[in-house]
């Protein structure tokens, strides 16, 4: 079984800097289903721009919440 979570996120550069520096390690987002989902901040690395991280994303993972995959939609 695959779990799929769609969410929108808006992190300013100074907010993401906390994750980059290691003072924070996880991001909690609210999926469109209303569920809160905790993600490792490192999963957003390829989506960081000078403006931070912004957009609508879909997270997929296996039934054990392992092997996460994140894509912008």
N, C-alpha and C. Protein backbone atom coordinates (compact mmCIF):
# COMPACT_ATOMS: atom_id res chain seq x y z
N UNK A 1 0.84 -1.18 0.00
CA UNK A 1 0.00 0.00 0.00
C UNK A 1 0.88 1.25 0.00
N UNK A 2 0.47 2.25 -0.75
CA UNK A 2 1.21 3.51 -0.84
C UNK A 2 0.39 4.60 -0.18
N UNK A 3 1.05 5.39 0.64
CA UNK A 3 0.42 6.55 1.26
C UNK A 3 0.76 7.78 0.43
N UNK A 4 -0.22 8.63 0.22
CA UNK A 4 -0.05 9.84 -0.59
C UNK A 4 -0.60 11.03 0.18
N UNK A 5 0.22 12.06 0.31
CA UNK A 5 -0.17 13.27 1.03
C UNK A 5 0.09 14.48 0.14
N UNK A 6 -0.93 15.27 -0.10
CA UNK A 6 -0.76 16.50 -0.87
C UNK A 6 -0.85 17.67 0.09
N UNK A 7 0.04 18.65 -0.10
CA UNK A 7 0.06 19.80 0.80
C UNK A 7 0.70 21.00 0.11
N UNK A 8 0.48 22.16 0.69
CA UNK A 8 1.10 23.39 0.22
C UNK A 8 2.01 23.89 1.32
N UNK A 9 3.15 24.44 0.92
CA UNK A 9 4.10 24.94 1.92
C UNK A 9 4.69 26.26 1.44
N UNK A 10 4.95 27.13 2.41
CA UNK A 10 5.59 28.42 2.14
C UNK A 10 6.58 28.67 3.28
N UNK A 11 7.85 28.46 2.99
CA UNK A 11 8.91 28.72 3.96
C UNK A 11 9.79 29.85 3.43
N UNK A 12 9.94 30.88 4.22
CA UNK A 12 10.84 31.98 3.86
C UNK A 12 12.28 31.50 3.99
N UNK A 13 13.20 32.16 3.31
CA UNK A 13 14.61 31.72 3.38
C UNK A 13 15.13 31.63 4.81
N UNK A 14 14.78 32.61 5.65
CA UNK A 14 15.27 32.58 7.03
C UNK A 14 14.67 31.42 7.83
N UNK A 15 13.47 30.98 7.46
CA UNK A 15 12.88 29.82 8.12
C UNK A 15 13.62 28.55 7.73
N UNK A 16 13.92 28.41 6.44
CA UNK A 16 14.62 27.20 6.00
C UNK A 16 16.05 27.17 6.52
N UNK A 17 16.62 28.33 6.77
CA UNK A 17 17.99 28.41 7.30
C UNK A 17 18.13 27.65 8.61
N UNK A 18 17.09 27.60 9.42
CA UNK A 18 17.11 26.83 10.67
C UNK A 18 17.35 25.35 10.39
N UNK A 19 16.76 24.86 9.32
CA UNK A 19 16.94 23.46 8.94
C UNK A 19 18.33 23.23 8.38
N UNK A 20 18.79 24.18 7.56
CA UNK A 20 20.12 24.09 6.96
C UNK A 20 21.20 24.06 8.02
N UNK A 21 21.01 24.88 9.06
CA UNK A 21 21.99 24.95 10.16
C UNK A 21 21.87 23.77 11.12
N UNK A 22 20.78 23.04 11.06
CA UNK A 22 20.60 21.89 11.92
C UNK A 22 19.92 22.19 13.24
N UNK A 23 19.46 23.43 13.44
CA UNK A 23 18.77 23.74 14.69
C UNK A 23 17.35 23.18 14.69
N UNK A 24 16.84 22.85 13.52
CA UNK A 24 15.54 22.17 13.38
C UNK A 24 15.72 21.08 12.33
N UNK A 25 15.07 19.95 12.52
CA UNK A 25 15.28 18.83 11.60
C UNK A 25 14.02 18.39 10.87
N UNK A 26 12.85 18.78 11.37
CA UNK A 26 11.60 18.31 10.78
C UNK A 26 10.67 19.47 10.45
N UNK A 27 9.87 19.26 9.45
CA UNK A 27 8.83 20.20 9.05
C UNK A 27 7.50 19.49 9.22
N UNK A 28 6.53 20.16 9.81
CA UNK A 28 5.18 19.59 9.94
C UNK A 28 4.27 20.37 9.01
N UNK A 29 3.58 19.64 8.14
CA UNK A 29 2.66 20.26 7.19
C UNK A 29 1.27 19.66 7.40
N UNK A 30 0.26 20.37 6.93
CA UNK A 30 -1.11 19.86 6.99
C UNK A 30 -1.50 19.45 5.57
N UNK A 31 -1.78 18.16 5.41
CA UNK A 31 -2.19 17.65 4.11
C UNK A 31 -3.60 18.13 3.78
N UNK A 32 -3.97 18.05 2.52
CA UNK A 32 -5.30 18.49 2.10
C UNK A 32 -6.39 17.67 2.76
N UNK A 33 -6.04 16.51 3.29
CA UNK A 33 -7.00 15.66 4.01
C UNK A 33 -7.19 16.09 5.45
N UNK A 34 -6.38 17.08 5.90
CA UNK A 34 -6.46 17.54 7.28
C UNK A 34 -5.45 16.88 8.19
N UNK A 35 -4.73 15.87 7.70
CA UNK A 35 -3.74 15.17 8.51
C UNK A 35 -2.48 16.03 8.65
N UNK A 36 -1.87 16.00 9.83
CA UNK A 36 -0.56 16.60 10.02
C UNK A 36 0.49 15.56 9.66
N UNK A 37 1.47 15.97 8.86
CA UNK A 37 2.51 15.06 8.39
C UNK A 37 3.86 15.68 8.74
N UNK A 38 4.69 14.90 9.42
CA UNK A 38 6.03 15.34 9.78
C UNK A 38 7.02 14.80 8.76
N UNK A 39 7.84 15.69 8.21
CA UNK A 39 8.82 15.32 7.19
C UNK A 39 10.22 15.75 7.62
N UNK A 40 11.23 15.01 7.18
CA UNK A 40 12.58 15.51 7.42
C UNK A 40 12.81 16.74 6.54
N UNK A 41 13.37 17.78 7.09
CA UNK A 41 13.59 19.02 6.34
C UNK A 41 14.48 18.78 5.12
N UNK A 42 15.34 17.81 5.21
CA UNK A 42 16.28 17.53 4.11
C UNK A 42 15.56 17.14 2.81
N UNK A 43 14.34 16.67 2.90
CA UNK A 43 13.60 16.25 1.71
C UNK A 43 13.29 17.44 0.79
N UNK A 44 13.35 18.65 1.32
CA UNK A 44 13.06 19.86 0.53
C UNK A 44 14.30 20.46 -0.13
N UNK A 45 15.48 19.92 0.10
CA UNK A 45 16.73 20.53 -0.39
C UNK A 45 16.69 20.87 -1.87
N UNK A 46 16.20 19.98 -2.68
CA UNK A 46 16.22 20.23 -4.13
C UNK A 46 15.19 21.27 -4.56
N UNK A 47 14.34 21.71 -3.64
CA UNK A 47 13.31 22.69 -3.96
C UNK A 47 13.60 24.07 -3.38
N UNK A 48 14.72 24.24 -2.69
CA UNK A 48 15.07 25.51 -2.07
C UNK A 48 15.55 26.49 -3.15
N UNK A 49 15.00 27.69 -3.11
CA UNK A 49 15.41 28.77 -4.01
C UNK A 49 15.83 29.96 -3.13
N UNK A 50 16.35 31.02 -3.71
CA UNK A 50 16.66 32.21 -2.90
C UNK A 50 15.45 32.77 -2.16
N UNK A 51 14.24 32.43 -2.63
CA UNK A 51 13.01 32.88 -1.97
C UNK A 51 12.50 31.90 -0.92
N UNK A 52 13.20 30.79 -0.70
CA UNK A 52 12.77 29.78 0.27
C UNK A 52 12.20 28.57 -0.44
N UNK A 53 11.18 27.98 0.16
CA UNK A 53 10.49 26.82 -0.41
C UNK A 53 9.01 27.17 -0.49
N UNK A 54 8.48 27.14 -1.69
CA UNK A 54 7.08 27.50 -1.89
C UNK A 54 6.46 26.58 -2.93
N UNK A 55 5.21 26.21 -2.70
CA UNK A 55 4.49 25.44 -3.71
C UNK A 55 3.59 24.38 -3.14
N UNK A 56 2.98 23.65 -4.07
CA UNK A 56 2.13 22.50 -3.73
C UNK A 56 2.93 21.25 -4.06
N UNK A 57 2.94 20.31 -3.11
CA UNK A 57 3.74 19.11 -3.24
C UNK A 57 2.90 17.87 -2.96
N UNK A 58 3.40 16.74 -3.45
CA UNK A 58 2.82 15.44 -3.14
C UNK A 58 3.93 14.56 -2.57
N UNK A 59 3.69 14.04 -1.39
CA UNK A 59 4.60 13.10 -0.74
C UNK A 59 4.01 11.72 -0.88
N UNK A 60 4.80 10.77 -1.36
CA UNK A 60 4.37 9.38 -1.39
C UNK A 60 5.38 8.55 -0.60
N UNK A 61 4.88 7.55 0.10
CA UNK A 61 5.74 6.65 0.86
C UNK A 61 5.04 5.31 1.00
N UNK A 62 5.80 4.30 1.42
CA UNK A 62 5.21 2.98 1.56
C UNK A 62 4.34 2.89 2.82
N UNK A 63 3.77 1.73 3.05
CA UNK A 63 2.85 1.54 4.17
C UNK A 63 3.51 1.79 5.52
N UNK A 64 4.83 1.61 5.59
CA UNK A 64 5.57 1.83 6.84
C UNK A 64 6.11 3.26 6.93
N UNK A 65 5.64 4.12 6.02
CA UNK A 65 6.09 5.52 5.95
C UNK A 65 7.58 5.63 5.69
N UNK A 66 8.10 4.67 4.92
CA UNK A 66 9.52 4.67 4.52
C UNK A 66 9.61 4.99 3.04
N UNK A 67 10.80 5.20 2.56
CA UNK A 67 11.07 5.49 1.16
C UNK A 67 10.24 6.66 0.64
N UNK A 68 10.34 7.82 1.32
CA UNK A 68 9.53 8.95 0.87
C UNK A 68 10.01 9.52 -0.46
N UNK A 69 9.05 9.97 -1.23
CA UNK A 69 9.33 10.63 -2.50
C UNK A 69 8.51 11.90 -2.55
N UNK A 70 9.15 13.01 -2.89
CA UNK A 70 8.47 14.30 -2.91
C UNK A 70 8.55 14.89 -4.30
N UNK A 71 7.41 15.37 -4.78
CA UNK A 71 7.39 16.05 -6.07
C UNK A 71 6.50 17.27 -6.00
N UNK A 72 6.90 18.28 -6.77
CA UNK A 72 6.10 19.51 -6.86
C UNK A 72 5.00 19.27 -7.91
N UNK A 73 3.79 19.71 -7.60
CA UNK A 73 2.67 19.55 -8.56
C UNK A 73 2.12 20.90 -8.96
